[in-house]
Amino acid sequence: SMQHQSTQSAQIIGDITERLVRLDEGNKQVIGFAEGLQQLQDILKNPKQRGVLGEYYLETLLKNIMPPSSYAMQYAFPDGTIVDAAVFVKDKVIPVDSKFSLENYNRMTEEKEPMRKKDLAKIFENDLKNRIVETAKYIQPENNTMDFAFMFIPHEAIYYDLLVGTVGAGEEAENLIQRAASKYRVIIVSPTSFLAYLQTVLQGLKAMQIEESAKEIRKRVDELGRHLMAYEEYHNKLGTTLKTVVNHYNSASKELKKVDKDVMRIAQTESVLEPLVLGDSEIERTTE
């Protein structure tokens, strides 16, 4: 009984040990995940690192949707101004600037006192207005830009609050997104909405490629038409030349028959020469 009990105890201890090992591995994963979250929080607290993260997010979206030749990161204008990204549509440039205003937004969302929350919302709205004005500076038609620019906010919650009017609505009928588009020609986008815009741009690029292909086909057809007309001209000239040759041949045959008759009268014999006279059927067979 003691041996049996000892064996069972050893099995139980082994099972508990195995479970403790698994639990320890799970704790390590949780700790690693927590450390990753802490690192992300540290990045988001640092404005410069947060800006780099926003630009990386923007580049990832462009890389996943657009062909490499249709966009560029850190695009420089002739005056030295650099925008985070530029999308190329034929010979035009669409500026895209990434803005990640987070401190005042977090303070606003975490605030519980209504009046203080309203004040923080106003501060955050002013932050966004400044970012909109900054983005509008990249609209430079004299440097082949479109008459609008994208302001990329890599935060869906901020964009949603702007969209529904939680932030930036004020006493006006339009929300901040609408005012930015109408007054400054700046289109505010989130990752999801920007993805939809990029799909539209991509379809436009494909349509332009089809148009360019159609132009090339029309050009080739025009060249083919000119070549056919040139061929027809030389073909007609050849036919006229052949007809002249045939006429000369038939005229020579008639004169040959006259000469043969003169010879036969002198020799008092019958004519044996029958020169071939070429007609239309012979000409057709010759050309074939």
C-alpha atoms as a PDB file:
ATOM      1  CA  SER A   1       0.000   0.000   0.000  1.00  0.00           C
ATOM      2  CA  MET A   2       2.850   2.352   0.869  1.00  0.00           C
ATOM      3  CA  GLN A   3       4.557   1.591  -2.459  1.00  0.00           C
ATOM      4  CA  HIS A   4       1.311   2.157  -4.337  1.00  0.00           C
ATOM      5  CA  GLN A   5       0.683   5.398  -2.443  1.00  0.00           C
ATOM      6  CA  SER A   6       4.258   6.501  -3.128  1.00  0.00           C
ATOM      7  CA  THR A   7       3.813   5.845  -6.866  1.00  0.00           C
ATOM      8  CA  GLN A   8       0.604   7.868  -6.981  1.00  0.00           C
ATOM      9  CA  SER A   9       2.233  10.709  -5.062  1.00  0.00           C
ATOM     10  CA  ALA A  10       5.133  10.756  -7.524  1.00  0.00           C
ATOM     11  CA  GLN A  11       2.699  10.924 -10.433  1.00  0.00           C
ATOM     12  CA  ILE A  12       0.769  13.765  -8.796  1.00  0.00           C
ATOM     13  CA  ILE A  13       3.991  15.652  -8.065  1.00  0.00           C
ATOM     14  CA  GLY A  14       5.127  15.160 -11.682  1.00  0.00           C
ATOM     15  CA  ASP A  15       1.774  16.393 -13.015  1.00  0.00           C
ATOM     16  CA  ILE A  16       1.869  19.436 -10.733  1.00  0.00           C
ATOM     17  CA  THR A  17       5.453  20.162 -11.795  1.00  0.00           C
ATOM     18  CA  GLU A  18       4.496  19.967 -15.491  1.00  0.00           C
ATOM     19  CA  ARG A  19       1.569  22.322 -14.953  1.00  0.00           C
ATOM     20  CA  LEU A  20       3.752  24.749 -13.014  1.00  0.00           C
ATOM     21  CA  VAL A  21       6.217  24.770 -15.932  1.00  0.00           C
ATOM     22  CA  ARG A  22       3.384  25.539 -18.372  1.00  0.00           C
ATOM     23  CA  LEU A  23       2.081  28.237 -16.038  1.00  0.00           C
ATOM     24  CA  ASP A  24       5.549  29.738 -15.833  1.00  0.00           C
ATOM     25  CA  GLU A  25       5.811  29.804 -19.633  1.00  0.00           C
ATOM     26  CA  GLY A  26       2.389  31.433 -19.831  1.00  0.00           C
ATOM     27  CA  ASN A  27       3.445  34.019 -17.251  1.00  0.00           C
ATOM     28  CA  LYS A  28       6.558  34.754 -19.320  1.00  0.00           C
ATOM     29  CA  GLN A  29       4.365  35.340 -22.390  1.00  0.00           C
ATOM     30  CA  VAL A  30       2.075  37.621 -20.398  1.00  0.00           C
ATOM     31  CA  ILE A  31       5.092  39.492 -19.036  1.00  0.00           C
ATOM     32  CA  GLY A  32       6.504  39.787 -22.592  1.00  0.00           C
ATOM     33  CA  PHE A  33       3.170  41.074 -23.851  1.00  0.00           C
ATOM     34  CA  ALA A  34       2.981  43.556 -20.985  1.00  0.00           C
ATOM     35  CA  GLU A  35       6.519  44.729 -21.743  1.00  0.00           C
ATOM     36  CA  GLY A  36       5.539  45.174 -25.399  1.00  0.00           C
ATOM     37  CA  LEU A  37       2.531  47.254 -24.375  1.00  0.00           C
ATOM     38  CA  GLN A  38       4.713  49.322 -22.077  1.00  0.00           C
ATOM     39  CA  GLN A  39       7.164  49.941 -24.914  1.00  0.00           C
ATOM     40  CA  LEU A  40       4.283  50.974 -27.177  1.00  0.00           C
ATOM     41  CA  GLN A  41       3.008  53.324 -24.471  1.00  0.00           C
ATOM     42  CA  ASP A  42       6.482  54.805 -24.122  1.00  0.00           C
ATOM     43  CA  ILE A  43       6.615  55.344 -27.896  1.00  0.00           C
ATOM     44  CA  LEU A  44       3.202  56.996 -27.916  1.00  0.00           C
ATOM     45  CA  LYS A  45       4.259  59.304 -25.068  1.00  0.00           C
ATOM     46  CA  ASN A  46       7.219  60.604 -27.070  1.00  0.00           C
ATOM     47  CA  PRO A  47       5.992  63.019 -29.797  1.00  0.00           C
ATOM     48  CA  LYS A  48       8.961  62.340 -32.098  1.00  0.00           C
ATOM     49  CA  GLN A  49       8.686  58.555 -31.821  1.00  0.00           C
ATOM     50  CA  ARG A  50       4.917  58.832 -32.177  1.00  0.00           C
ATOM     51  CA  GLY A  51       5.449  60.761 -35.411  1.00  0.00           C
ATOM     52  CA  VAL A  52       7.799  58.057 -36.704  1.00  0.00           C
ATOM     53  CA  LEU A  53       5.163  55.440 -35.859  1.00  0.00           C
ATOM     54  CA  GLY A  54       2.502  57.403 -37.757  1.00  0.00           C
ATOM     55  CA  GLU A  55       4.777  57.712 -40.806  1.00  0.00           C
ATOM     56  CA  TYR A  56       5.521  53.976 -40.649  1.00  0.00           C
ATOM     57  CA  TYR A  57       1.790  53.231 -40.531  1.00  0.00           C
ATOM     58  CA  LEU A  58       1.267  55.543 -43.523  1.00  0.00           C
ATOM     59  CA  GLU A  59       4.083  53.919 -45.505  1.00  0.00           C
ATOM     60  CA  THR A  60       2.705  50.444 -44.749  1.00  0.00           C
ATOM     61  CA  LEU A  61      -0.705  51.416 -46.142  1.00  0.00           C
ATOM     62  CA  LEU A  62       0.830  52.876 -49.297  1.00  0.00           C
ATOM     63  CA  LYS A  63       3.119  49.873 -49.764  1.00  0.00           C
ATOM     64  CA  ASN A  64       0.219  47.415 -49.477  1.00  0.00           C
ATOM     65  CA  ILE A  65      -2.013  49.247 -51.982  1.00  0.00           C
ATOM     66  CA  MET A  66      -0.015  51.332 -54.430  1.00  0.00           C
ATOM     67  CA  PRO A  67       2.648  50.314 -56.981  1.00  0.00           C
ATOM     68  CA  PRO A  68       6.150  51.369 -55.842  1.00  0.00           C
ATOM     69  CA  SER A  69       6.474  53.944 -58.625  1.00  0.00           C
ATOM     70  CA  SER A  70       3.202  55.709 -57.759  1.00  0.00           C
ATOM     71  CA  TYR A  71       4.227  57.121 -54.358  1.00  0.00           C
ATOM     72  CA  ALA A  72       7.256  58.397 -52.450  1.00  0.00           C
ATOM     73  CA  MET A  73       8.033  58.916 -48.762  1.00  0.00           C
ATOM     74  CA  GLN A  74       9.607  62.166 -47.502  1.00  0.00           C
ATOM     75  CA  TYR A  75       8.856  63.956 -50.769  1.00  0.00           C
ATOM     76  CA  ALA A  76      10.802  67.203 -51.168  1.00  0.00           C
ATOM     77  CA  PHE A  77       9.404  70.280 -52.922  1.00  0.00           C
ATOM     78  CA  PRO A  78      11.663  72.668 -54.865  1.00  0.00           C
ATOM     79  CA  ASP A  79      11.586  75.165 -51.963  1.00  0.00           C
ATOM     80  CA  GLY A  80      12.966  72.509 -49.593  1.00  0.00           C
ATOM     81  CA  THR A  81       9.649  71.716 -47.899  1.00  0.00           C
ATOM     82  CA  ILE A  82       9.307  68.001 -47.142  1.00  0.00           C
ATOM     83  CA  VAL A  83       5.954  66.228 -46.828  1.00  0.00           C
ATOM     84  CA  ASP A  84       5.641  62.793 -45.237  1.00  0.00           C
ATOM     85  CA  ALA A  85       4.392  61.139 -48.438  1.00  0.00           C
ATOM     86  CA  ALA A  86       3.319  61.963 -51.976  1.00  0.00           C
ATOM     87  CA  VAL A  87       1.037  59.990 -54.279  1.00  0.00           C
ATOM     88  CA  PHE A  88       1.619  60.464 -58.009  1.00  0.00           C
ATOM     89  CA  VAL A  89      -1.339  60.602 -60.385  1.00  0.00           C
ATOM     90  CA  LYS A  90      -0.003  61.028 -63.906  1.00  0.00           C
ATOM     91  CA  ASP A  91       1.955  64.330 -63.743  1.00  0.00           C
ATOM     92  CA  LYS A  92       0.272  65.515 -60.530  1.00  0.00           C
ATOM     93  CA  VAL A  93       1.260  65.098 -56.855  1.00  0.00           C
ATOM     94  CA  ILE A  94      -1.099  64.457 -53.939  1.00  0.00           C
ATOM     95  CA  PRO A  95       0.589  65.493 -50.642  1.00  0.00           C
ATOM     96  CA  VAL A  96      -0.075  63.283 -47.611  1.00  0.00           C
ATOM     97  CA  ASP A  97       0.958  64.453 -44.142  1.00  0.00           C
ATOM     98  CA  SER A  98       0.761  62.283 -41.027  1.00  0.00           C
ATOM     99  CA  LYS A  99      -0.475  63.966 -37.846  1.00  0.00           C
ATOM    100  CA  PHE A 100      -0.616  62.129 -34.505  1.00  0.00           C
ATOM    101  CA  SER A 101      -2.045  64.547 -31.891  1.00  0.00           C
ATOM    102  CA  LEU A 102      -2.570  62.314 -28.888  1.00  0.00           C
ATOM    103  CA  GLU A 103      -1.729  64.003 -25.543  1.00  0.00           C
ATOM    104  CA  ASN A 104      -4.673  66.384 -25.357  1.00  0.00           C
ATOM    105  CA  TYR A 105      -6.992  63.768 -26.839  1.00  0.00           C
ATOM    106  CA  ASN A 106      -6.085  61.271 -24.098  1.00  0.00           C
ATOM    107  CA  ARG A 107      -6.465  63.957 -21.451  1.00  0.00           C
ATOM    108  CA  MET A 108      -9.895  64.826 -22.853  1.00  0.00           C
ATOM    109  CA  THR A 109     -11.136  61.227 -22.967  1.00  0.00           C
ATOM    110  CA  GLU A 110      -9.858  60.458 -19.457  1.00  0.00           C
ATOM    111  CA  GLU A 111     -11.363  63.571 -17.890  1.00  0.00           C
ATOM    112  CA  LYS A 112     -14.615  62.973 -15.971  1.00  0.00           C
ATOM    113  CA  GLU A 113     -15.557  66.534 -14.955  1.00  0.00           C
ATOM    114  CA  PRO A 114     -17.830  67.941 -17.753  1.00  0.00           C
ATOM    115  CA  MET A 115     -16.552  71.543 -17.818  1.00  0.00           C
ATOM    116  CA  ARG A 116     -12.912  70.496 -17.723  1.00  0.00           C
ATOM    117  CA  LYS A 117     -13.631  67.916 -20.429  1.00  0.00           C
ATOM    118  CA  LYS A 118     -15.154  70.639 -22.605  1.00  0.00           C
ATOM    119  CA  ASP A 119     -12.100  72.863 -22.121  1.00  0.00           C
ATOM    120  CA  LEU A 120      -9.761  70.018 -23.063  1.00  0.00           C
ATOM    121  CA  ALA A 121     -11.891  69.274 -26.150  1.00  0.00           C
ATOM    122  CA  LYS A 122     -11.412  72.906 -27.226  1.00  0.00           C
ATOM    123  CA  ILE A 123      -7.651  72.630 -26.715  1.00  0.00           C
ATOM    124  CA  PHE A 124      -7.568  69.428 -28.748  1.00  0.00           C
ATOM    125  CA  GLU A 125      -9.654  71.070 -31.478  1.00  0.00           C
ATOM    126  CA  ASN A 126      -7.127  73.913 -31.668  1.00  0.00           C
ATOM    127  CA  ASP A 127      -4.346  71.335 -31.996  1.00  0.00           C
ATOM    128  CA  LEU A 128      -6.100  69.801 -34.970  1.00  0.00           C
ATOM    129  CA  LYS A 129      -6.748  73.210 -36.559  1.00  0.00           C
ATOM    130  CA  ASN A 130      -3.017  73.955 -36.360  1.00  0.00           C
ATOM    131  CA  ARG A 131      -2.255  70.579 -37.968  1.00  0.00           C
ATOM    132  CA  ILE A 132      -4.770  71.342 -40.748  1.00  0.00           C
ATOM    133  CA  VAL A 133      -3.091  74.698 -41.478  1.00  0.00           C
ATOM    134  CA  GLU A 134       0.308  72.957 -41.554  1.00  0.00           C
ATOM    135  CA  THR A 135      -0.981  70.361 -44.018  1.00  0.00           C
ATOM    136  CA  ALA A 136      -2.530  73.048 -46.239  1.00  0.00           C
ATOM    137  CA  LYS A 137       0.970  74.476 -46.826  1.00  0.00           C
ATOM    138  CA  TYR A 138       1.792  71.421 -48.939  1.00  0.00           C
ATOM    139  CA  ILE A 139      -0.877  72.350 -51.501  1.00  0.00           C
ATOM    140  CA  GLN A 140       1.364  73.961 -54.128  1.00  0.00           C
ATOM    141  CA  PRO A 141      -0.250  73.945 -57.598  1.00  0.00           C
ATOM    142  CA  GLU A 142       2.749  75.825 -58.958  1.00  0.00           C
ATOM    143  CA  ASN A 143       4.767  72.681 -58.132  1.00  0.00           C
ATOM    144  CA  ASN A 144       2.257  70.339 -59.834  1.00  0.00           C
ATOM    145  CA  THR A 145       0.339  69.354 -56.699  1.00  0.00           C
ATOM    146  CA  MET A 146      -3.386  68.714 -56.724  1.00  0.00           C
ATOM    147  CA  ASP A 147      -5.597  71.442 -55.237  1.00  0.00           C
ATOM    148  CA  PHE A 148      -6.055  69.338 -52.089  1.00  0.00           C
ATOM    149  CA  ALA A 149      -3.973  67.362 -49.584  1.00  0.00           C
ATOM    150  CA  PHE A 150      -4.572  64.443 -47.215  1.00  0.00           C
ATOM    151  CA  MET A 151      -4.078  64.778 -43.464  1.00  0.00           C
ATOM    152  CA  PHE A 152      -3.540  61.238 -42.202  1.00  0.00           C
ATOM    153  CA  ILE A 153      -4.561  60.565 -38.579  1.00  0.00           C
ATOM    154  CA  PRO A 154      -3.421  57.020 -37.635  1.00  0.00           C
ATOM    155  CA  HIS A 155      -6.044  56.752 -34.901  1.00  0.00           C
ATOM    156  CA  GLU A 156      -9.559  55.539 -35.726  1.00  0.00           C
ATOM    157  CA  ALA A 157     -11.062  56.788 -32.441  1.00  0.00           C
ATOM    158  CA  ILE A 158      -9.934  60.380 -33.075  1.00  0.00           C
ATOM    159  CA  TYR A 159     -11.298  60.274 -36.616  1.00  0.00           C
ATOM    160  CA  TYR A 160     -14.616  58.849 -35.383  1.00  0.00           C
ATOM    161  CA  ASP A 161     -14.989  61.620 -32.784  1.00  0.00           C
ATOM    162  CA  LEU A 162     -14.337  64.187 -35.510  1.00  0.00           C
ATOM    163  CA  LEU A 163     -16.788  62.497 -37.847  1.00  0.00           C
ATOM    164  CA  VAL A 164     -19.711  62.340 -35.420  1.00  0.00           C
ATOM    165  CA  GLY A 165     -19.010  65.827 -34.063  1.00  0.00           C
ATOM    166  CA  THR A 166     -17.856  64.858 -30.577  1.00  0.00           C
ATOM    167  CA  VAL A 167     -14.821  67.058 -31.216  1.00  0.00           C
ATOM    168  CA  GLY A 168     -14.672  70.138 -33.420  1.00  0.00           C
ATOM    169  CA  ALA A 169     -18.395  70.647 -33.987  1.00  0.00           C
ATOM    170  CA  GLY A 170     -18.902  73.755 -31.847  1.00  0.00           C
ATOM    171  CA  GLU A 171     -21.828  75.957 -32.782  1.00  0.00           C
ATOM    172  CA  GLU A 172     -21.362  75.435 -36.518  1.00  0.00           C
ATOM    173  CA  ALA A 173     -23.368  73.048 -38.674  1.00  0.00           C
ATOM    174  CA  GLU A 174     -20.236  71.494 -40.212  1.00  0.00           C
ATOM    175  CA  ASN A 175     -17.852  69.261 -38.289  1.00  0.00           C
ATOM    176  CA  LEU A 176     -14.098  69.805 -38.374  1.00  0.00           C
ATOM    177  CA  ILE A 177     -13.611  67.309 -41.230  1.00  0.00           C
ATOM    178  CA  GLN A 178     -16.062  69.215 -43.423  1.00  0.00           C
ATOM    179  CA  ARG A 179     -14.592  72.611 -42.533  1.00  0.00           C
ATOM    180  CA  ALA A 180     -11.054  71.418 -43.269  1.00  0.00           C
ATOM    181  CA  ALA A 181     -12.110  70.219 -46.713  1.00  0.00           C
ATOM    182  CA  SER A 182     -14.167  73.295 -47.642  1.00  0.00           C
ATOM    183  CA  LYS A 183     -11.943  76.038 -46.166  1.00  0.00           C
ATOM    184  CA  TYR A 184      -8.416  74.613 -46.431  1.00  0.00           C
ATOM    185  CA  ARG A 185      -8.920  71.852 -49.039  1.00  0.00           C
ATOM    186  CA  VAL A 186      -7.430  69.382 -46.566  1.00  0.00           C
ATOM    187  CA  ILE A 187      -9.066  65.959 -46.484  1.00  0.00           C
ATOM    188  CA  ILE A 188      -8.757  64.373 -43.035  1.00  0.00           C
ATOM    189  CA  VAL A 189      -8.499  60.583 -43.231  1.00  0.00           C
ATOM    190  CA  SER A 190      -8.063  57.646 -40.878  1.00  0.00           C
ATOM    191  CA  PRO A 191      -6.346  54.366 -41.891  1.00  0.00           C
ATOM    192  CA  THR A 192      -9.684  52.882 -42.981  1.00  0.00           C
ATOM    193  CA  SER A 193     -10.971  55.880 -44.939  1.00  0.00           C
ATOM    194  CA  PHE A 194      -7.536  56.532 -46.466  1.00  0.00           C
ATOM    195  CA  LEU A 195      -7.538  52.928 -47.672  1.00  0.00           C
ATOM    196  CA  ALA A 196     -10.787  53.639 -49.543  1.00  0.00           C
ATOM    197  CA  TYR A 197      -9.307  56.803 -51.085  1.00  0.00           C
ATOM    198  CA  LEU A 198      -6.209  54.860 -52.185  1.00  0.00           C
ATOM    199  CA  GLN A 199      -8.401  52.221 -53.833  1.00  0.00           C
ATOM    200  CA  THR A 200     -10.108  55.007 -55.792  1.00  0.00           C
ATOM    201  CA  VAL A 201      -6.736  56.473 -56.822  1.00  0.00           C
ATOM    202  CA  LEU A 202      -5.541  53.013 -57.833  1.00  0.00           C
ATOM    203  CA  GLN A 203      -8.602  52.507 -60.029  1.00  0.00           C
ATOM    204  CA  GLY A 204      -7.940  55.908 -61.579  1.00  0.00           C
ATOM    205  CA  LEU A 205      -4.352  54.901 -62.337  1.00  0.00           C
ATOM    206  CA  LYS A 206      -5.558  51.694 -63.966  1.00  0.00           C
ATOM    207  CA  ALA A 207      -8.073  53.673 -66.038  1.00  0.00           C
ATOM    208  CA  MET A 208      -5.282  56.014 -67.175  1.00  0.00           C
ATOM    209  CA  GLN A 209      -3.130  53.012 -68.107  1.00  0.00           C
ATOM    210  CA  ILE A 210      -6.011  51.666 -70.195  1.00  0.00           C
ATOM    211  CA  GLU A 211      -6.411  55.093 -71.801  1.00  0.00           C
ATOM    212  CA  GLU A 212      -2.691  55.220 -72.604  1.00  0.00           C
ATOM    213  CA  SER A 213      -2.905  51.711 -74.084  1.00  0.00           C
ATOM    214  CA  ALA A 214      -5.893  52.783 -76.198  1.00  0.00           C
ATOM    215  CA  LYS A 215      -3.928  55.798 -77.454  1.00  0.00           C
ATOM    216  CA  GLU A 216      -1.028  53.518 -78.377  1.00  0.00           C
ATOM    217  CA  ILE A 217      -3.389  51.164 -80.216  1.00  0.00           C
ATOM    218  CA  ARG A 218      -4.942  54.091 -82.138  1.00  0.00           C
ATOM    219  CA  LYS A 219      -1.450  55.286 -83.026  1.00  0.00           C
ATOM    220  CA  ARG A 220      -0.496  51.845 -84.353  1.00  0.00           C
ATOM    221  CA  VAL A 221      -3.767  51.591 -86.323  1.00  0.00           C
ATOM    222  CA  ASP A 222      -3.071  54.993 -87.913  1.00  0.00           C
ATOM    223  CA  GLU A 223       0.419  53.815 -88.876  1.00  0.00           C
ATOM    224  CA  LEU A 224      -1.043  50.623 -90.331  1.00  0.00           C
ATOM    225  CA  GLY A 225      -3.538  52.695 -92.365  1.00  0.00           C
ATOM    226  CA  ARG A 226      -0.727  54.845 -93.765  1.00  0.00           C
ATOM    227  CA  HIS A 227       1.291  51.756 -94.668  1.00  0.00           C
ATOM    228  CA  LEU A 228      -1.718  50.203 -96.407  1.00  0.00           C
ATOM    229  CA  MET A 229      -2.299  53.395 -98.411  1.00  0.00           C
ATOM    230  CA  ALA A 230       1.376  53.444 -99.445  1.00  0.00           C
ATOM    231  CA  TYR A 231       1.181  49.779-100.412  1.00  0.00           C
ATOM    232  CA  GLU A 232      -1.999  50.428-102.440  1.00  0.00           C
ATOM    233  CA  GLU A 233      -0.260  53.289-104.267  1.00  0.00           C
ATOM    234  CA  TYR A 234       2.710  51.132-105.268  1.00  0.00           C
ATOM    235  CA  HIS A 235       0.410  48.214-106.098  1.00  0.00           C
ATOM    236  CA  ASN A 236      -1.593  50.409-108.493  1.00  0.00           C
ATOM    237  CA  LYS A 237       1.627  51.709-110.045  1.00  0.00           C
ATOM    238  CA  LEU A 238       2.786  48.123-110.538  1.00  0.00           C
ATOM    239  CA  GLY A 239      -0.551  47.211-112.172  1.00  0.00           C
ATOM    240  CA  THR A 240      -0.279  50.203-114.525  1.00  0.00           C
ATOM    241  CA  THR A 241       3.277  49.229-115.419  1.00  0.00           C
ATOM    242  CA  LEU A 242       2.241  45.619-116.091  1.00  0.00           C
ATOM    243  CA  LYS A 243      -0.635  46.822-118.286  1.00  0.00           C
ATOM    244  CA  THR A 244       1.778  49.014-120.286  1.00  0.00           C
ATOM    245  CA  VAL A 245       4.168  46.060-120.697  1.00  0.00           C
ATOM    246  CA  VAL A 246       1.312  43.838-121.889  1.00  0.00           C
ATOM    247  CA  ASN A 247       0.188  46.488-124.411  1.00  0.00           C
ATOM    248  CA  HIS A 248       3.731  46.797-125.722  1.00  0.00           C
ATOM    249  CA  TYR A 249       3.972  43.014-125.933  1.00  0.00           C
ATOM    250  CA  ASN A 250       0.697  42.703-127.857  1.00  0.00           C
ATOM    251  CA  SER A 251       1.722  45.547-130.203  1.00  0.00           C
ATOM    252  CA  ALA A 252       5.071  43.812-130.809  1.00  0.00           C
ATOM    253  CA  SER A 253       3.228  40.532-131.515  1.00  0.00           C
ATOM    254  CA  LYS A 254       1.069  42.221-134.149  1.00  0.00           C
ATOM    255  CA  GLU A 255       4.117  43.715-135.840  1.00  0.00           C
ATOM    256  CA  LEU A 256       5.781  40.314-135.731  1.00  0.00           C
ATOM    257  CA  LYS A 257       2.799  38.781-137.532  1.00  0.00           C
ATOM    258  CA  LYS A 258       3.058  41.485-140.219  1.00  0.00           C
ATOM    259  CA  VAL A 259       6.742  40.719-140.660  1.00  0.00           C
ATOM    260  CA  ASP A 260       5.896  37.016-140.877  1.00  0.00           C
ATOM    261  CA  LYS A 261       3.315  37.647-143.613  1.00  0.00           C
ATOM    262  CA  ASP A 262       5.833  39.682-145.594  1.00  0.00           C
ATOM    263  CA  VAL A 263       8.348  36.841-145.329  1.00  0.00           C
ATOM    264  CA  MET A 264       5.742  34.253-146.345  1.00  0.00           C
ATOM    265  CA  ARG A 265       4.784  36.263-149.448  1.00  0.00           C
ATOM    266  CA  ILE A 266       8.412  36.344-150.497  1.00  0.00           C
ATOM    267  CA  ALA A 267       8.927  32.647-149.757  1.00  0.00           C
ATOM    268  CA  GLN A 268       5.444  31.747-151.039  1.00  0.00           C
ATOM    269  CA  THR A 269       4.767  29.592-148.017  1.00  0.00           C
ATOM    270  CA  GLU A 270       2.102  29.590-145.343  1.00  0.00           C
ATOM    271  CA  SER A 271       2.604  31.451-142.058  1.00  0.00           C
ATOM    272  CA  VAL A 272       3.491  29.286-139.084  1.00  0.00           C
ATOM    273  CA  LEU A 273       3.972  32.037-136.443  1.00  0.00           C
ATOM    274  CA  GLU A 274       1.133  32.555-133.971  1.00  0.00           C
ATOM    275  CA  PRO A 275       2.415  35.001-131.313  1.00  0.00           C
ATOM    276  CA  LEU A 276       0.564  34.804-127.992  1.00  0.00           C
ATOM    277  CA  VAL A 277      -1.717  37.736-127.367  1.00  0.00           C
ATOM    278  CA  LEU A 278      -2.105  38.570-123.683  1.00  0.00           C
ATOM    279  CA  GLY A 279      -5.531  39.572-122.399  1.00  0.00           C
ATOM    280  CA  ASP A 280      -6.995  40.331-118.970  1.00  0.00           C
ATOM    281  CA  SER A 281      -7.062  36.637-117.972  1.00  0.00           C
ATOM    282  CA  GLU A 282      -3.386  36.233-118.759  1.00  0.00           C
ATOM    283  CA  ILE A 283      -2.585  39.386-116.786  1.00  0.00           C
ATOM    284  CA  GLU A 284      -4.486  38.019-113.784  1.00  0.00           C
ATOM    285  CA  ARG A 285      -2.642  34.689-113.990  1.00  0.00           C
ATOM    286  CA  THR A 286       0.663  36.565-114.286  1.00  0.00           C
ATOM    287  CA  THR A 287      -0.042  38.709-111.213  1.00  0.00           C
ATOM    288  CA  GLU A 288      -1.151  35.642-109.255  1.00  0.00           C
END
